[in-house]
Each structure stands twice: as C-alpha cells, then as structure tokens.
Protein backbone atom coordinates (compact mmCIF):
# COMPACT_ATOMS: atom_id res chain seq x y z
CA UNK A 1 0.00 0.00 0.00
CA UNK A 2 1.53 3.29 -1.12
CA UNK A 3 1.69 6.35 1.13
CA UNK A 4 -0.93 8.94 0.26
CA UNK A 5 -0.67 12.35 1.93
CA UNK A 6 -3.85 13.34 3.73
CA UNK A 7 -4.50 17.02 3.09
CA UNK A 8 -5.01 19.75 5.58
CA UNK A 9 -6.95 19.17 8.75
CA UNK A 10 -9.64 21.50 9.99
CA UNK A 11 -8.57 24.20 12.46
CA UNK A 12 -10.38 23.74 15.77
CA UNK A 13 -8.54 26.48 17.66
CA UNK A 14 -11.49 28.87 18.00
CA UNK A 15 -14.01 26.26 19.20
CA UNK A 16 -11.42 25.07 21.74
CA UNK A 17 -10.85 28.60 23.03
CA UNK A 18 -14.59 29.24 23.32
CA UNK A 19 -15.15 26.03 25.27
CA UNK A 20 -12.11 26.72 27.47
CA UNK A 21 -13.64 30.13 28.28
CA UNK A 22 -16.99 28.50 29.13
CA UNK A 23 -15.34 25.93 31.40
CA UNK A 24 -13.17 28.58 33.09
CA UNK A 25 -16.12 30.94 33.60
CA UNK A 26 -18.27 28.15 35.01
CA UNK A 27 -15.51 27.00 37.36
CA UNK A 28 -14.87 30.51 38.65
CA UNK A 29 -18.59 31.09 39.10
CA UNK A 30 -18.87 27.89 41.16
CA UNK A 31 -15.90 28.97 43.31
CA UNK A 32 -17.48 32.39 43.77
CA UNK A 33 -20.81 30.85 44.82
CA UNK A 34 -19.19 28.35 47.19
CA UNK A 35 -16.37 30.37 48.77
CA UNK A 36 -16.88 34.02 47.88
CA UNK A 37 -15.44 36.62 45.58
CA UNK A 38 -11.97 36.74 47.17
CA UNK A 39 -11.21 33.07 46.47
CA UNK A 40 -12.40 33.37 42.87
CA UNK A 41 -10.29 36.49 42.38
CA UNK A 42 -7.23 34.79 43.89
CA UNK A 43 -7.61 31.73 41.63
CA UNK A 44 -8.00 34.06 38.64
CA UNK A 45 -4.78 35.80 39.62
CA UNK A 46 -2.94 32.48 39.81
CA UNK A 47 -4.28 31.40 36.39
CA UNK A 48 -3.28 34.77 34.94
CA UNK A 49 0.27 34.43 36.29
CA UNK A 50 0.59 30.91 34.86
CA UNK A 51 -0.66 32.00 31.44
CA UNK A 52 1.71 34.99 31.37
CA UNK A 53 4.63 32.61 31.95
CA UNK A 54 3.79 30.63 28.79
CA UNK A 55 5.77 32.02 25.85
CA UNK A 56 3.77 33.35 22.91
CA UNK A 57 4.11 31.79 19.49
CA UNK A 58 4.68 34.11 16.59
C-alpha cells in the first residue's frame, strides 16, 4: 500500500478557546458561589500568572 498524503486538517482552535472560556467561567462562578469573591479572584490571579509565563508563538 503506497503512502498517500492526507490534506489539511480543519482548524479547531477557536471552538477550543470558546469552550475553554466556558469551562473557566463556570468554574470561577462555582468557586465564587461556594467560597466568595476573594477566592475566585485569587484563583484568577494564579491562572493569569501561569498564562503569562507561557511564551507566545509568533
């Protein structure tokens, strides 16, 4: 059986980012409801610091 190149795959970056936002928002809302605004804000700060440490692709 000869090798046949497959073509380009569909780009699912935007749907992934939208769903990641939904999951993050839902998680922070649950934290806010269970423990209060300060805990949700603190977790957001930690997530922000982690994401700033990831190098950007160009």
